[in-house]
Every structure is written in C-alpha cells, then in structure tokens.
Amino acid sequence: MNSPPLASELNLCLCHSCGLACDITDNPHECQRCGAPLHARKTNSLSRTWAYLLASLVFYIPANLLPVMNTSLFGSGSDSTIMSGVLEFWAHGAWDIALIIFIASIAVPGIKFVALSLLLITVQRGSLWARKERSKLYRFVELIGYWSMLDVIVVALVAALVKFQALGDIEPRLGILFFGLVVVFTMLSAMSFDPRLIWDNAREKPQNEEVMDEVASH
C-alpha cells in the first residue's frame, strides 16, 4: 500500500500561530492568513533540546538540596527542602498537599527527564522502534508540562493561609528559584523538540521489514 504524500512534497507548511496549512509555492516565508513567519522545521531542534534539558538537570540538583521555604510558627523557624516539606505535610495529616507537591516536584520532572532523553537518543540513533508510541509520549510530556508549577502555587497558598490565620510566617528560600528554573528549562526543552524527527526515516525502510519488526515485537 502506498504511503500518503508528505506536506513537504505538496509544498505545504503549517503555521505555528494560527494553524493554517499554507501553500509555500509563492510565499515560503509568511503565513497568508496571519502574516506570521513560517518554519518548515524547528531550527537546531536536537541541540537546543539537549541544551535546555541538561541545564534543567543542573538546576534540579540545588532545587532539591536547598531549602525552598522557611516556616516560622510561634517563634520557632525551620527551613524545608522539597522532600522534607512533603514529609512534614504528610506527618501532619495533609497527605493531599504532600501528594501534590511530590507529584509536581519529584515525579513530573523525573518523567520529563527520562521521556525527553529517550526521545532524543532514539531520534539521534535513527531508531524505527515504536514511532507512534514515541509521538504519544511527546504529547504526554507536553501535557504534564502545564502542571509543572502546581507545587509552587500550593506553597504560595499555604503561605497565604498561615499568614491569614496569624499562626506564623512563611518565607521563600533560594531553592524555589532553582525549581522555577527547572520548570522553565524543561518546558523550553519540550517546546524545542520537533516530533517530526521521529518519522523522518520512516520511508527509508521497506514495508516488508516494518511488518516483520511489528510481528517480532509481538
């Protein structure tokens, strides 16, 4: 069975601003509807994705080691890291807040690091393994990226609640800055990755070899 034509073969380019499939035969640089610049591919996708991902990994270390907030209750103050804050909320019965902070601060960044590393390595190796599943994995990384700042919001709400009830005081510490940088750089890394790279060599392999691979995988 013949494969459908590629957008590049039809001289079509998707506008990233308004979503229009533009005919680039006459005007290859500008969207006909909104006037936004057209880019057939994300420039230097792999190198920029690796750079942002490695930067986020570097910031992830002090984000977990340094205190993110200082809690002062009845004149007694203490600094808390992300993990110690999770354990403290859990010990005081606020398991829901502890779970939110753990998922948003520990689990989500870890999933993004592993997923983006997998996507980058398989693309660089020209792997044909599980292309459809890897595309879904990228969409999942995009989806969870929107919730990356959830724990920062929770900390802000807890601080407002403590001050409102006049129980004490909560002040941010340096760790929250590094965690914010982790969130920003992981989002930039996901935005820089071009998922079309997964399918670039899809037509280089004969159809019968793909069928054999699919049978072998089952």
N, C-alpha and C. Protein backbone atom coordinates (compact mmCIF):
# COMPACT_ATOMS: atom_id res chain seq x y z
N MET A 1 0.85 -1.19 0.00
CA MET A 1 0.00 0.00 0.00
C MET A 1 0.89 1.24 0.00
N ASN A 2 0.56 2.20 -0.87
CA ASN A 2 1.35 3.42 -0.97
C ASN A 2 1.11 4.32 0.23
N SER A 3 2.17 4.98 0.67
CA SER A 3 2.05 5.92 1.79
C SER A 3 1.52 7.24 1.28
N PRO A 4 0.76 7.97 2.11
CA PRO A 4 0.26 9.29 1.70
C PRO A 4 1.41 10.26 1.51
N PRO A 5 1.22 11.27 0.67
CA PRO A 5 2.31 12.24 0.44
C PRO A 5 2.60 13.07 1.68
N LEU A 6 3.85 13.49 1.78
CA LEU A 6 4.26 14.36 2.87
C LEU A 6 3.87 15.80 2.57
N ALA A 7 3.76 16.60 3.63
CA ALA A 7 3.42 18.01 3.44
C ALA A 7 4.48 18.72 2.62
N SER A 8 5.75 18.34 2.81
CA SER A 8 6.83 18.97 2.03
C SER A 8 6.72 18.65 0.55
N GLU A 9 6.20 17.47 0.23
CA GLU A 9 6.02 17.09 -1.18
C GLU A 9 4.89 17.87 -1.82
N LEU A 10 3.95 18.35 -1.01
CA LEU A 10 2.82 19.15 -1.50
C LEU A 10 3.06 20.64 -1.35
N ASN A 11 4.28 21.03 -0.93
CA ASN A 11 4.62 22.43 -0.69
C ASN A 11 3.70 23.08 0.35
N LEU A 12 3.41 22.34 1.41
CA LEU A 12 2.56 22.85 2.48
C LEU A 12 3.39 22.99 3.75
N CYS A 13 3.08 24.04 4.51
CA CYS A 13 3.76 24.29 5.79
C CYS A 13 2.72 24.78 6.79
N LEU A 14 2.72 24.19 7.97
CA LEU A 14 1.74 24.56 8.99
C LEU A 14 2.20 25.80 9.74
N CYS A 15 1.32 26.78 9.83
CA CYS A 15 1.62 28.00 10.58
C CYS A 15 1.50 27.70 12.07
N HIS A 16 2.53 28.04 12.85
CA HIS A 16 2.52 27.77 14.28
C HIS A 16 1.67 28.78 15.05
N SER A 17 1.26 29.86 14.41
CA SER A 17 0.46 30.88 15.10
C SER A 17 -1.04 30.62 14.97
N CYS A 18 -1.52 30.40 13.72
CA CYS A 18 -2.96 30.24 13.51
C CYS A 18 -3.36 28.84 13.07
N GLY A 19 -2.38 27.96 12.77
CA GLY A 19 -2.69 26.59 12.39
C GLY A 19 -3.07 26.38 10.95
N LEU A 20 -2.91 27.38 10.10
CA LEU A 20 -3.27 27.24 8.70
C LEU A 20 -2.21 26.44 7.95
N ALA A 21 -2.66 25.50 7.11
CA ALA A 21 -1.75 24.78 6.22
C ALA A 21 -1.48 25.66 5.00
N CYS A 22 -0.33 26.31 4.98
CA CYS A 22 -0.03 27.33 3.97
C CYS A 22 0.66 26.71 2.76
N ASP A 23 0.25 27.17 1.59
CA ASP A 23 0.93 26.81 0.35
C ASP A 23 2.14 27.72 0.21
N ILE A 24 3.35 27.14 0.27
CA ILE A 24 4.58 27.93 0.26
C ILE A 24 5.21 28.03 -1.12
N THR A 25 4.42 27.72 -2.15
CA THR A 25 4.96 27.79 -3.52
C THR A 25 5.30 29.23 -3.88
N ASP A 26 4.38 30.15 -3.60
CA ASP A 26 4.58 31.55 -3.98
C ASP A 26 5.22 32.37 -2.86
N ASN A 27 4.82 32.12 -1.61
CA ASN A 27 5.34 32.89 -0.48
C ASN A 27 5.79 31.94 0.61
N PRO A 28 7.05 31.48 0.58
CA PRO A 28 7.51 30.46 1.53
C PRO A 28 7.87 30.99 2.91
N HIS A 29 7.79 32.29 3.13
CA HIS A 29 8.31 32.86 4.38
C HIS A 29 7.23 33.43 5.30
N GLU A 30 6.00 33.57 4.83
CA GLU A 30 4.98 34.26 5.62
C GLU A 30 3.64 33.59 5.46
N CYS A 31 2.90 33.49 6.57
CA CYS A 31 1.56 32.90 6.54
C CYS A 31 0.61 33.81 5.78
N GLN A 32 -0.20 33.21 4.89
CA GLN A 32 -1.13 34.00 4.09
C GLN A 32 -2.27 34.57 4.92
N ARG A 33 -2.57 33.98 6.07
CA ARG A 33 -3.70 34.45 6.86
C ARG A 33 -3.30 35.43 7.95
N CYS A 34 -2.27 35.10 8.75
CA CYS A 34 -1.94 35.94 9.89
C CYS A 34 -0.61 36.68 9.73
N GLY A 35 0.15 36.35 8.70
CA GLY A 35 1.41 37.04 8.43
C GLY A 35 2.58 36.60 9.30
N ALA A 36 2.40 35.53 10.10
CA ALA A 36 3.48 35.05 10.95
C ALA A 36 4.57 34.38 10.12
N PRO A 37 5.83 34.41 10.56
CA PRO A 37 6.90 33.72 9.83
C PRO A 37 6.66 32.21 9.81
N LEU A 38 6.97 31.59 8.68
CA LEU A 38 6.79 30.16 8.51
C LEU A 38 8.13 29.44 8.69
N HIS A 39 8.07 28.31 9.39
CA HIS A 39 9.25 27.48 9.56
C HIS A 39 8.84 26.03 9.30
N ALA A 40 9.44 25.44 8.29
CA ALA A 40 9.11 24.04 7.98
C ALA A 40 9.51 23.12 9.12
N ARG A 41 10.61 23.42 9.77
CA ARG A 41 11.08 22.63 10.91
C ARG A 41 11.61 23.57 11.99
N LYS A 42 11.65 23.07 13.22
CA LYS A 42 12.25 23.82 14.31
C LYS A 42 13.76 23.80 14.12
N THR A 43 14.36 24.97 14.07
CA THR A 43 15.79 25.06 13.79
C THR A 43 16.62 24.53 14.95
N ASN A 44 17.66 23.74 14.60
CA ASN A 44 18.58 23.16 15.59
C ASN A 44 17.83 22.49 16.73
N SER A 45 16.84 21.69 16.37
CA SER A 45 15.95 21.12 17.38
C SER A 45 16.69 20.25 18.39
N LEU A 46 17.52 19.34 17.92
CA LEU A 46 18.18 18.41 18.84
C LEU A 46 19.16 19.12 19.76
N SER A 47 19.98 19.99 19.21
CA SER A 47 20.98 20.67 20.03
C SER A 47 20.32 21.58 21.06
N ARG A 48 19.27 22.30 20.68
CA ARG A 48 18.60 23.18 21.64
C ARG A 48 17.87 22.37 22.71
N THR A 49 17.26 21.25 22.31
CA THR A 49 16.56 20.41 23.29
C THR A 49 17.53 19.82 24.30
N TRP A 50 18.69 19.33 23.82
CA TRP A 50 19.71 18.81 24.72
C TRP A 50 20.22 19.90 25.66
N ALA A 51 20.45 21.10 25.13
CA ALA A 51 20.99 22.18 25.95
C ALA A 51 20.02 22.55 27.07
N TYR A 52 18.74 22.71 26.74
CA TYR A 52 17.76 23.06 27.77
C TYR A 52 17.58 21.92 28.77
N LEU A 53 17.61 20.68 28.29
CA LEU A 53 17.42 19.54 29.18
C LEU A 53 18.59 19.41 30.16
N LEU A 54 19.80 19.56 29.68
CA LEU A 54 20.98 19.47 30.56
C LEU A 54 21.00 20.63 31.56
N ALA A 55 20.58 21.81 31.12
CA ALA A 55 20.51 22.95 32.04
C ALA A 55 19.49 22.69 33.15
N SER A 56 18.35 22.11 32.79
CA SER A 56 17.34 21.81 33.80
C SER A 56 17.83 20.74 34.77
N LEU A 57 18.61 19.77 34.28
CA LEU A 57 19.18 18.75 35.16
C LEU A 57 20.16 19.36 36.17
N VAL A 58 20.95 20.32 35.69
CA VAL A 58 21.89 21.00 36.58
C VAL A 58 21.15 21.77 37.67
N PHE A 59 20.08 22.48 37.29
CA PHE A 59 19.31 23.25 38.27
C PHE A 59 18.49 22.35 39.20
N TYR A 60 18.21 21.12 38.75
CA TYR A 60 17.38 20.21 39.54
C TYR A 60 18.08 19.79 40.83
N ILE A 61 19.41 19.74 40.80
CA ILE A 61 20.17 19.32 41.99
C ILE A 61 20.03 20.33 43.13
N PRO A 62 20.36 21.62 42.93
CA PRO A 62 20.16 22.57 44.04
C PRO A 62 18.70 22.79 44.37
N ALA A 63 17.80 22.56 43.40
CA ALA A 63 16.37 22.72 43.69
C ALA A 63 15.90 21.73 44.75
N ASN A 64 16.53 20.56 44.80
CA ASN A 64 16.14 19.55 45.78
C ASN A 64 16.99 19.58 47.05
N LEU A 65 18.22 20.12 46.94
CA LEU A 65 19.10 20.15 48.10
C LEU A 65 18.93 21.40 48.94
N LEU A 66 18.64 22.52 48.29
CA LEU A 66 18.49 23.79 49.02
C LEU A 66 17.06 23.93 49.56
N PRO A 67 16.89 24.65 50.68
CA PRO A 67 15.54 24.87 51.21
C PRO A 67 14.71 25.74 50.28
N VAL A 68 13.43 25.42 50.17
CA VAL A 68 12.52 26.18 49.32
C VAL A 68 11.68 27.17 50.12
N MET A 69 11.56 26.93 51.45
CA MET A 69 10.81 27.88 52.26
C MET A 69 11.24 27.77 53.71
N ASN A 70 11.01 28.84 54.46
CA ASN A 70 11.28 28.88 55.89
C ASN A 70 9.95 29.09 56.61
N THR A 71 9.63 28.16 57.49
CA THR A 71 8.36 28.22 58.22
C THR A 71 8.63 28.62 59.66
N SER A 72 7.97 29.67 60.10
CA SER A 72 8.11 30.15 61.47
C SER A 72 6.76 30.07 62.16
N LEU A 73 6.67 29.18 63.16
CA LEU A 73 5.44 29.01 63.92
C LEU A 73 5.71 29.25 65.40
N PHE A 74 4.99 30.21 65.95
CA PHE A 74 5.10 30.53 67.38
C PHE A 74 6.54 30.82 67.79
N GLY A 75 7.26 31.55 66.92
CA GLY A 75 8.61 31.97 67.22
C GLY A 75 9.69 30.96 66.88
N SER A 76 9.32 29.77 66.44
CA SER A 76 10.29 28.72 66.09
C SER A 76 10.29 28.55 64.57
N GLY A 77 11.45 28.81 63.95
CA GLY A 77 11.54 28.74 62.50
C GLY A 77 12.41 27.58 62.04
N SER A 78 12.13 27.07 60.84
CA SER A 78 12.93 25.99 60.27
C SER A 78 12.84 26.07 58.75
N ASP A 79 13.96 25.69 58.08
CA ASP A 79 14.00 25.63 56.64
C ASP A 79 13.54 24.25 56.16
N SER A 80 12.88 24.24 55.00
CA SER A 80 12.37 22.98 54.46
C SER A 80 12.77 22.85 53.00
N THR A 81 13.31 21.68 52.64
CA THR A 81 13.52 21.34 51.23
C THR A 81 12.22 20.78 50.67
N ILE A 82 12.22 20.45 49.39
CA ILE A 82 11.01 19.91 48.78
C ILE A 82 10.61 18.61 49.46
N MET A 83 11.57 17.70 49.63
CA MET A 83 11.25 16.38 50.19
C MET A 83 10.90 16.47 51.65
N SER A 84 11.62 17.31 52.41
CA SER A 84 11.28 17.45 53.83
C SER A 84 9.92 18.11 54.01
N GLY A 85 9.57 19.00 53.07
CA GLY A 85 8.23 19.60 53.11
C GLY A 85 7.15 18.58 52.86
N VAL A 86 7.41 17.67 51.91
CA VAL A 86 6.45 16.59 51.64
C VAL A 86 6.25 15.73 52.88
N LEU A 87 7.36 15.35 53.53
CA LEU A 87 7.28 14.51 54.72
C LEU A 87 6.59 15.24 55.88
N GLU A 88 6.83 16.55 55.96
CA GLU A 88 6.21 17.32 57.04
C GLU A 88 4.71 17.43 56.85
N PHE A 89 4.27 17.73 55.63
CA PHE A 89 2.84 17.79 55.37
C PHE A 89 2.19 16.44 55.62
N TRP A 90 2.88 15.36 55.21
CA TRP A 90 2.33 14.01 55.40
C TRP A 90 2.20 13.69 56.90
N ALA A 91 3.22 14.06 57.67
CA ALA A 91 3.20 13.77 59.10
C ALA A 91 2.10 14.52 59.83
N HIS A 92 1.73 15.70 59.31
CA HIS A 92 0.68 16.50 59.94
C HIS A 92 -0.71 16.19 59.38
N GLY A 93 -0.80 15.14 58.57
CA GLY A 93 -2.10 14.71 58.07
C GLY A 93 -2.55 15.36 56.77
N ALA A 94 -1.74 16.29 56.23
CA ALA A 94 -2.11 16.94 54.97
C ALA A 94 -1.55 16.12 53.80
N TRP A 95 -2.04 14.87 53.69
CA TRP A 95 -1.50 13.95 52.69
C TRP A 95 -1.81 14.41 51.27
N ASP A 96 -2.92 15.14 51.10
CA ASP A 96 -3.28 15.59 49.75
C ASP A 96 -2.28 16.63 49.26
N ILE A 97 -1.91 17.60 50.11
CA ILE A 97 -0.92 18.60 49.73
C ILE A 97 0.44 17.94 49.52
N ALA A 98 0.78 17.00 50.41
CA ALA A 98 2.06 16.30 50.27
C ALA A 98 2.12 15.54 48.95
N LEU A 99 1.01 14.92 48.56
CA LEU A 99 0.98 14.16 47.31
C LEU A 99 1.10 15.08 46.10
N ILE A 100 0.43 16.23 46.16
CA ILE A 100 0.51 17.19 45.05
C ILE A 100 1.94 17.68 44.88
N ILE A 101 2.57 18.05 45.98
CA ILE A 101 3.95 18.57 45.90
C ILE A 101 4.90 17.48 45.41
N PHE A 102 4.72 16.24 45.89
CA PHE A 102 5.60 15.15 45.46
C PHE A 102 5.45 14.88 43.96
N ILE A 103 4.21 14.83 43.48
CA ILE A 103 3.99 14.56 42.05
C ILE A 103 4.54 15.68 41.19
N ALA A 104 4.24 16.94 41.59
CA ALA A 104 4.64 18.07 40.76
C ALA A 104 6.13 18.36 40.84
N SER A 105 6.76 18.11 42.00
CA SER A 105 8.16 18.49 42.19
C SER A 105 9.14 17.36 41.94
N ILE A 106 8.76 16.13 42.22
CA ILE A 106 9.66 15.00 42.10
C ILE A 106 9.30 14.13 40.89
N ALA A 107 8.04 13.70 40.83
CA ALA A 107 7.64 12.75 39.79
C ALA A 107 7.61 13.37 38.40
N VAL A 108 6.95 14.53 38.27
CA VAL A 108 6.81 15.14 36.94
C VAL A 108 8.15 15.51 36.32
N PRO A 109 9.06 16.22 37.03
CA PRO A 109 10.37 16.48 36.42
C PRO A 109 11.12 15.21 36.06
N GLY A 110 11.04 14.17 36.92
CA GLY A 110 11.72 12.92 36.62
C GLY A 110 11.19 12.27 35.36
N ILE A 111 9.86 12.26 35.20
CA ILE A 111 9.25 11.69 33.99
C ILE A 111 9.68 12.47 32.76
N LYS A 112 9.73 13.79 32.86
CA LYS A 112 10.12 14.61 31.71
C LYS A 112 11.58 14.38 31.35
N PHE A 113 12.46 14.24 32.35
CA PHE A 113 13.87 13.98 32.06
C PHE A 113 14.03 12.65 31.31
N VAL A 114 13.38 11.61 31.82
CA VAL A 114 13.51 10.29 31.20
C VAL A 114 12.89 10.28 29.80
N ALA A 115 11.69 10.85 29.67
CA ALA A 115 10.99 10.82 28.38
C ALA A 115 11.74 11.61 27.31
N LEU A 116 12.18 12.82 27.64
CA LEU A 116 12.90 13.62 26.65
C LEU A 116 14.24 13.00 26.29
N SER A 117 14.92 12.41 27.27
CA SER A 117 16.19 11.73 26.97
C SER A 117 15.95 10.55 26.03
N LEU A 118 14.89 9.79 26.27
CA LEU A 118 14.56 8.67 25.40
C LEU A 118 14.27 9.14 23.98
N LEU A 119 13.48 10.20 23.86
CA LEU A 119 13.15 10.73 22.54
C LEU A 119 14.39 11.22 21.81
N LEU A 120 15.24 11.93 22.51
CA LEU A 120 16.45 12.48 21.87
C LEU A 120 17.40 11.36 21.43
N ILE A 121 17.61 10.38 22.29
CA ILE A 121 18.56 9.30 21.96
C ILE A 121 18.05 8.46 20.79
N THR A 122 16.75 8.11 20.80
CA THR A 122 16.22 7.29 19.72
C THR A 122 16.21 8.04 18.39
N VAL A 123 15.94 9.35 18.42
CA VAL A 123 15.96 10.13 17.18
C VAL A 123 17.38 10.23 16.64
N GLN A 124 18.34 10.48 17.51
CA GLN A 124 19.73 10.59 17.06
C GLN A 124 20.27 9.28 16.51
N ARG A 125 19.77 8.17 17.02
CA ARG A 125 20.20 6.87 16.51
C ARG A 125 19.43 6.44 15.27
N GLY A 126 18.44 7.25 14.87
CA GLY A 126 17.63 6.90 13.70
C GLY A 126 16.77 5.68 13.92
N SER A 127 16.32 5.47 15.16
CA SER A 127 15.56 4.28 15.51
C SER A 127 14.16 4.31 14.90
N LEU A 128 13.72 3.15 14.42
CA LEU A 128 12.36 2.99 13.91
C LEU A 128 11.44 2.33 14.94
N TRP A 129 11.94 2.18 16.14
CA TRP A 129 11.20 1.48 17.18
C TRP A 129 10.05 2.34 17.71
N ALA A 130 8.86 1.80 17.70
CA ALA A 130 7.67 2.38 18.37
C ALA A 130 7.50 3.87 18.06
N ARG A 131 7.49 4.20 16.76
CA ARG A 131 7.39 5.62 16.40
C ARG A 131 6.07 6.24 16.87
N LYS A 132 4.98 5.51 16.69
CA LYS A 132 3.67 6.03 17.11
C LYS A 132 3.62 6.24 18.61
N GLU A 133 4.16 5.28 19.37
CA GLU A 133 4.16 5.39 20.83
C GLU A 133 5.06 6.53 21.29
N ARG A 134 6.18 6.74 20.61
CA ARG A 134 7.07 7.85 20.99
C ARG A 134 6.41 9.19 20.70
N SER A 135 5.63 9.26 19.63
CA SER A 135 4.90 10.50 19.36
C SER A 135 3.87 10.78 20.45
N LYS A 136 3.20 9.73 20.92
CA LYS A 136 2.25 9.90 22.02
C LYS A 136 2.98 10.29 23.31
N LEU A 137 4.17 9.75 23.49
CA LEU A 137 4.96 10.09 24.67
C LEU A 137 5.30 11.58 24.67
N TYR A 138 5.64 12.11 23.51
CA TYR A 138 5.95 13.55 23.42
C TYR A 138 4.71 14.39 23.76
N ARG A 139 3.55 13.99 23.26
CA ARG A 139 2.33 14.73 23.58
C ARG A 139 2.04 14.67 25.08
N PHE A 140 2.34 13.53 25.70
CA PHE A 140 2.15 13.41 27.15
C PHE A 140 3.08 14.35 27.91
N VAL A 141 4.33 14.46 27.45
CA VAL A 141 5.28 15.38 28.08
C VAL A 141 4.78 16.82 27.95
N GLU A 142 4.24 17.16 26.78
CA GLU A 142 3.67 18.49 26.60
C GLU A 142 2.52 18.73 27.58
N LEU A 143 1.69 17.71 27.76
CA LEU A 143 0.50 17.85 28.61
C LEU A 143 0.88 18.09 30.07
N ILE A 144 1.80 17.27 30.61
CA ILE A 144 2.14 17.41 32.02
C ILE A 144 2.98 18.66 32.27
N GLY A 145 3.55 19.24 31.22
CA GLY A 145 4.32 20.47 31.40
C GLY A 145 3.48 21.63 31.90
N TYR A 146 2.16 21.60 31.58
CA TYR A 146 1.29 22.68 32.03
C TYR A 146 1.07 22.67 33.54
N TRP A 147 1.35 21.54 34.19
CA TRP A 147 1.09 21.41 35.63
C TRP A 147 2.38 21.48 36.44
N SER A 148 3.48 21.89 35.82
CA SER A 148 4.78 21.86 36.49
C SER A 148 4.87 22.86 37.64
N MET A 149 4.13 23.93 37.57
CA MET A 149 4.20 24.96 38.62
C MET A 149 3.16 24.75 39.71
N LEU A 150 2.52 23.59 39.71
CA LEU A 150 1.43 23.36 40.65
C LEU A 150 1.89 23.43 42.09
N ASP A 151 3.07 22.83 42.37
CA ASP A 151 3.53 22.82 43.76
C ASP A 151 3.94 24.21 44.23
N VAL A 152 4.45 25.04 43.32
CA VAL A 152 4.78 26.42 43.69
C VAL A 152 3.51 27.17 44.09
N ILE A 153 2.44 26.91 43.37
CA ILE A 153 1.15 27.52 43.70
C ILE A 153 0.66 27.03 45.06
N VAL A 154 0.85 25.73 45.33
CA VAL A 154 0.43 25.17 46.61
C VAL A 154 1.20 25.82 47.76
N VAL A 155 2.52 25.97 47.60
CA VAL A 155 3.34 26.63 48.63
C VAL A 155 2.85 28.05 48.86
N ALA A 156 2.51 28.77 47.78
CA ALA A 156 2.01 30.14 47.91
C ALA A 156 0.68 30.16 48.66
N LEU A 157 -0.20 29.19 48.38
CA LEU A 157 -1.49 29.13 49.07
C LEU A 157 -1.31 28.80 50.55
N VAL A 158 -0.38 27.87 50.84
CA VAL A 158 -0.13 27.53 52.24
C VAL A 158 0.43 28.74 52.99
N ALA A 159 1.34 29.48 52.35
CA ALA A 159 1.90 30.68 52.97
C ALA A 159 0.80 31.70 53.26
N ALA A 160 -0.11 31.89 52.28
CA ALA A 160 -1.21 32.84 52.49
C ALA A 160 -2.13 32.38 53.62
N LEU A 161 -2.36 31.05 53.71
CA LEU A 161 -3.23 30.52 54.75
C LEU A 161 -2.62 30.72 56.13
N VAL A 162 -1.32 30.45 56.25
CA VAL A 162 -0.64 30.60 57.55
C VAL A 162 -0.69 32.05 58.00
N LYS A 163 -0.40 32.98 57.08
CA LYS A 163 -0.41 34.40 57.44
C LYS A 163 -1.82 34.88 57.76
N PHE A 164 -2.81 34.35 57.02
CA PHE A 164 -4.18 34.77 57.25
C PHE A 164 -4.65 34.36 58.64
N GLN A 165 -4.24 33.17 59.09
CA GLN A 165 -4.65 32.70 60.40
C GLN A 165 -3.74 33.20 61.53
N ALA A 166 -2.74 34.01 61.17
CA ALA A 166 -1.81 34.60 62.15
C ALA A 166 -1.12 33.53 62.98
N LEU A 167 -0.86 32.39 62.37
CA LEU A 167 -0.19 31.31 63.08
C LEU A 167 1.32 31.45 63.04
N GLY A 168 1.82 32.16 62.09
CA GLY A 168 3.26 32.30 61.94
C GLY A 168 3.57 32.99 60.63
N ASP A 169 4.69 32.60 60.05
CA ASP A 169 5.14 33.27 58.83
C ASP A 169 5.88 32.25 57.96
N ILE A 170 5.77 32.42 56.65
CA ILE A 170 6.47 31.57 55.69
C ILE A 170 7.19 32.47 54.70
N GLU A 171 8.46 32.20 54.50
CA GLU A 171 9.25 32.98 53.56
C GLU A 171 9.90 32.05 52.54
N PRO A 172 9.95 32.47 51.28
CA PRO A 172 10.62 31.63 50.26
C PRO A 172 12.12 31.63 50.47
N ARG A 173 12.76 30.55 50.02
CA ARG A 173 14.19 30.40 50.09
C ARG A 173 14.75 30.15 48.68
N LEU A 174 16.07 30.06 48.58
CA LEU A 174 16.74 30.01 47.28
C LEU A 174 16.32 28.80 46.45
N GLY A 175 15.95 27.72 47.10
CA GLY A 175 15.59 26.50 46.37
C GLY A 175 14.42 26.69 45.43
N ILE A 176 13.47 27.57 45.81
CA ILE A 176 12.29 27.79 44.96
C ILE A 176 12.68 28.46 43.65
N LEU A 177 13.74 29.28 43.67
CA LEU A 177 14.23 29.91 42.44
C LEU A 177 14.79 28.85 41.49
N PHE A 178 15.60 27.93 42.03
CA PHE A 178 16.16 26.88 41.18
C PHE A 178 15.08 25.96 40.64
N PHE A 179 14.06 25.69 41.46
CA PHE A 179 12.98 24.85 40.95
C PHE A 179 12.20 25.56 39.84
N GLY A 180 12.01 26.87 40.00
CA GLY A 180 11.37 27.62 38.92
C GLY A 180 12.17 27.54 37.63
N LEU A 181 13.50 27.58 37.75
CA LEU A 181 14.36 27.45 36.57
C LEU A 181 14.24 26.06 35.96
N VAL A 182 14.11 25.04 36.81
CA VAL A 182 13.91 23.68 36.30
C VAL A 182 12.64 23.61 35.46
N VAL A 183 11.57 24.19 35.98
CA VAL A 183 10.29 24.19 35.25
C VAL A 183 10.42 24.90 33.92
N VAL A 184 11.04 26.08 33.92
CA VAL A 184 11.17 26.86 32.69
C VAL A 184 12.01 26.11 31.65
N PHE A 185 13.14 25.56 32.07
CA PHE A 185 14.03 24.92 31.10
C PHE A 185 13.49 23.59 30.60
N THR A 186 12.75 22.85 31.42
CA THR A 186 12.13 21.63 30.91
C THR A 186 11.02 21.96 29.92
N MET A 187 10.29 23.04 30.15
CA MET A 187 9.27 23.46 29.19
C MET A 187 9.92 23.91 27.88
N LEU A 188 11.01 24.65 27.97
CA LEU A 188 11.72 25.06 26.76
C LEU A 188 12.29 23.86 26.02
N SER A 189 12.75 22.87 26.76
CA SER A 189 13.27 21.66 26.14
C SER A 189 12.18 20.93 25.37
N ALA A 190 11.01 20.78 25.98
CA ALA A 190 9.90 20.11 25.29
C ALA A 190 9.43 20.91 24.08
N MET A 191 9.42 22.24 24.20
CA MET A 191 9.00 23.08 23.08
C MET A 191 10.01 23.06 21.94
N SER A 192 11.28 22.83 22.24
CA SER A 192 12.32 22.84 21.21
C SER A 192 12.38 21.53 20.43
N PHE A 193 11.87 20.45 21.02
CA PHE A 193 11.93 19.17 20.33
C PHE A 193 10.92 19.13 19.19
N ASP A 194 11.36 18.66 18.04
CA ASP A 194 10.49 18.55 16.86
C ASP A 194 10.07 17.08 16.71
N PRO A 195 8.81 16.74 17.03
CA PRO A 195 8.37 15.34 16.97
C PRO A 195 8.39 14.76 15.56
N ARG A 196 8.46 15.61 14.54
CA ARG A 196 8.53 15.09 13.17
C ARG A 196 9.84 14.38 12.89
N LEU A 197 10.85 14.64 13.73
CA LEU A 197 12.12 13.93 13.58
C LEU A 197 11.96 12.42 13.81
N ILE A 198 10.93 12.05 14.59
CA ILE A 198 10.68 10.63 14.85
C ILE A 198 10.34 9.90 13.56
N TRP A 199 9.69 10.63 12.62
CA TRP A 199 9.19 9.99 11.40
C TRP A 199 10.05 10.27 10.18
N ASP A 200 11.17 10.93 10.36
CA ASP A 200 11.97 11.34 9.20
C ASP A 200 12.43 10.17 8.34
N ASN A 201 12.86 9.07 8.97
CA ASN A 201 13.37 7.94 8.21
C ASN A 201 12.34 6.83 8.07
N ALA A 202 11.06 7.19 8.21
CA ALA A 202 10.01 6.17 8.16
C ALA A 202 9.92 5.51 6.80
N ARG A 203 10.26 6.24 5.74
CA ARG A 203 10.11 5.69 4.39
C ARG A 203 11.39 5.06 3.87
N GLU A 204 12.43 5.11 4.67
CA GLU A 204 13.68 4.54 4.22
C GLU A 204 13.71 3.03 4.38
N LYS A 205 12.82 2.49 5.18
CA LYS A 205 12.80 1.06 5.44
C LYS A 205 11.70 0.41 4.61
N PRO A 206 11.95 -0.68 3.92
CA PRO A 206 10.92 -1.34 3.12
C PRO A 206 9.74 -1.76 3.97
N GLN A 207 8.57 -1.81 3.32
CA GLN A 207 7.34 -2.10 4.03
C GLN A 207 7.39 -3.50 4.66
N ASN A 208 7.97 -4.49 3.96
CA ASN A 208 8.00 -5.84 4.50
C ASN A 208 8.87 -5.93 5.75
N GLU A 209 9.93 -5.09 5.83
CA GLU A 209 10.77 -5.09 7.02
C GLU A 209 10.01 -4.53 8.21
N GLU A 210 9.17 -3.49 7.96
CA GLU A 210 8.39 -2.91 9.05
C GLU A 210 7.40 -3.93 9.57
N VAL A 211 6.76 -4.71 8.66
CA VAL A 211 5.81 -5.71 9.07
C VAL A 211 6.51 -6.78 9.91
N MET A 212 7.72 -7.19 9.48
CA MET A 212 8.47 -8.20 10.23
C MET A 212 8.82 -7.69 11.62
N ASP A 213 9.19 -6.39 11.70
CA ASP A 213 9.51 -5.81 13.01
C ASP A 213 8.31 -5.81 13.94
N GLU A 214 7.12 -5.47 13.37
CA GLU A 214 5.93 -5.43 14.18
C GLU A 214 5.55 -6.84 14.68
N VAL A 215 5.73 -7.85 13.79
CA VAL A 215 5.44 -9.23 14.19
C VAL A 215 6.41 -9.68 15.28
N ALA A 216 7.69 -9.31 15.12
CA ALA A 216 8.69 -9.70 16.11
C ALA A 216 8.45 -9.05 17.46
N SER A 217 7.94 -7.79 17.43
CA SER A 217 7.68 -7.11 18.69
C SER A 217 6.57 -7.74 19.49
N HIS A 218 5.65 -8.44 18.78
CA HIS A 218 4.54 -9.11 19.47
C HIS A 218 4.94 -10.53 19.89
